[in-house]
Structures are given as C-alpha cells and as structure tokens.
Amino acid sequence: MVGETTVGRAGRLVAVAGNVVATPEHSLSLIYRDGATRRIPLTYVTNPIAAAFFYASIPVERQHGTRSPARLQLRRGGTIVETSVLVVPRRR
C-alpha cells in the first residue's frame, strides 16, 4: 500500500513523499506523463514498523504539462504490486 503526500504550487507538482508497506525486494518508480520513469530510493524500517519511506523532489522542467509526474508504481521484482495516481494541484 502506497501512502503519498504531494507538494505543489499553482498547477505544479514540486515534490512527492510518503510511506509504503514494502521489503527490500520492492522498488518504487515515478512515472511521468510522457512515459519516462525515475526510480525513487526507499528507506526501510524493520519490525515492528515494517515499512519504507520515500521523498523525491521534482525537477522544474518536469513540474507541469505533458512531462509532469503521473503516478507512482510499486514493484516486487518484475511484478507491479500497486499503482497510485498523482494529482497535480489546480491553478487558482
């Protein structure tokens, strides 16, 4: 289960952070709207927490438009375990 918090400003997604129920066999990727992917490092905590935490800042050129982040994807080996859609804050 991916629990994420997004940080944004007026139509831009500037960072994503959160936690995930995962083990070292899992990996987390940020998938952009144009299909590019970026691996997000996970920091693991053992029992009794048994979870991983993450933080990724988004480069300015990837904060909005067709190159912006679309979703997070959790994998175990080559198998997709979960996908979480990211919501970009609306412009006011």
Protein backbone atom coordinates (compact mmCIF):
# COMPACT_ATOMS: atom_id res chain seq x y z
CA MET A 1 0.00 0.00 0.00
CA VAL A 2 1.44 3.35 -1.09
CA GLY A 3 0.60 6.39 1.03
CA GLU A 4 1.81 9.55 -0.64
CA THR A 5 1.69 13.26 0.02
CA THR A 6 2.21 15.67 -2.84
CA VAL A 7 3.60 19.18 -2.51
CA GLY A 8 2.52 21.59 -5.19
CA ARG A 9 2.07 25.18 -6.21
CA ALA A 10 -0.43 26.52 -8.76
CA GLY A 11 -0.53 23.70 -11.30
CA ARG A 12 2.94 22.37 -10.45
CA LEU A 13 3.89 19.23 -8.55
CA VAL A 14 7.18 20.05 -6.80
CA ALA A 15 7.68 17.00 -4.54
CA VAL A 16 6.21 13.68 -3.51
CA ALA A 17 6.81 11.89 -0.21
CA GLY A 18 5.27 9.09 1.77
CA ASN A 19 5.43 5.57 3.02
CA VAL A 20 4.83 2.12 1.62
CA VAL A 21 4.42 -1.33 3.10
CA ALA A 22 7.44 -2.95 1.47
CA THR A 23 10.55 -5.04 1.92
CA PRO A 24 13.96 -4.65 0.26
CA GLU A 25 12.66 -6.80 -2.64
CA HIS A 26 10.33 -3.91 -3.60
CA SER A 27 11.14 -0.87 -5.72
CA LEU A 28 9.24 2.38 -6.27
CA SER A 29 9.19 4.35 -9.52
CA LEU A 30 7.80 7.72 -10.50
CA ILE A 31 6.15 7.51 -13.92
CA TYR A 32 5.87 10.74 -15.92
CA ARG A 33 3.07 11.57 -18.38
CA ASP A 34 5.49 11.25 -21.31
CA GLY A 35 6.37 7.68 -20.28
CA ALA A 36 9.75 8.43 -18.66
CA THR A 37 10.45 6.70 -15.35
CA ARG A 38 12.55 7.55 -12.33
CA ARG A 39 13.46 5.18 -9.50
CA ILE A 40 12.76 6.62 -6.06
CA PRO A 41 15.03 5.40 -3.25
CA LEU A 42 13.27 3.71 -0.34
CA THR A 43 14.45 3.86 3.27
CA TYR A 44 13.40 0.67 5.04
CA VAL A 45 12.46 0.30 8.71
CA THR A 46 12.25 -3.20 10.19
CA ASN A 47 9.71 -4.63 12.65
CA PRO A 48 7.63 -3.51 14.39
CA ILE A 49 7.22 -0.72 11.77
CA ALA A 50 7.97 -2.91 8.72
CA ALA A 51 7.62 -0.15 6.14
CA ALA A 52 9.65 2.01 3.79
CA PHE A 53 9.70 5.79 3.42
CA PHE A 54 10.47 7.98 0.41
CA TYR A 55 10.93 11.58 -0.74
CA ALA A 56 11.55 12.91 -4.22
CA SER A 57 11.73 16.49 -5.43
CA ILE A 58 10.55 17.06 -8.99
CA PRO A 59 12.88 18.96 -11.37
CA VAL A 60 11.43 22.31 -12.50
CA GLU A 61 11.21 21.21 -16.15
CA ARG A 62 9.05 18.22 -15.05
CA GLN A 63 6.65 20.01 -12.68
CA HIS A 64 3.80 20.68 -15.13
CA GLY A 65 2.37 19.86 -18.55
CA THR A 66 2.92 16.71 -20.57
CA ARG A 67 6.25 16.00 -18.83
CA SER A 68 4.82 16.13 -15.29
CA PRO A 69 4.50 13.19 -12.86
CA ALA A 70 1.50 10.93 -13.43
CA ARG A 71 1.78 8.05 -10.94
CA LEU A 72 3.85 6.03 -8.52
CA GLN A 73 4.42 2.36 -9.23
CA LEU A 74 5.43 -0.21 -6.62
CA ARG A 75 7.06 -3.40 -7.90
CA ARG A 76 8.29 -6.59 -6.35
CA GLY A 77 10.79 -7.99 -8.78
CA GLY A 78 9.22 -7.57 -12.21
CA THR A 79 5.63 -7.65 -10.93
CA ILE A 80 3.60 -4.46 -10.44
CA VAL A 81 2.13 -4.63 -6.95
CA GLU A 82 0.37 -1.25 -6.84
CA THR A 83 -0.06 1.95 -8.85
CA SER A 84 -1.04 5.25 -7.27
CA VAL A 85 -2.22 8.18 -9.45
CA LEU A 86 -0.76 11.57 -8.51
CA VAL A 87 -2.97 14.65 -8.51
CA VAL A 88 -1.41 17.97 -9.55
CA PRO A 89 -2.79 20.98 -7.64
CA ARG A 90 -5.05 23.22 -9.73
CA ARG A 91 -4.10 26.74 -10.69
CA ARG A 92 -6.11 29.44 -8.99
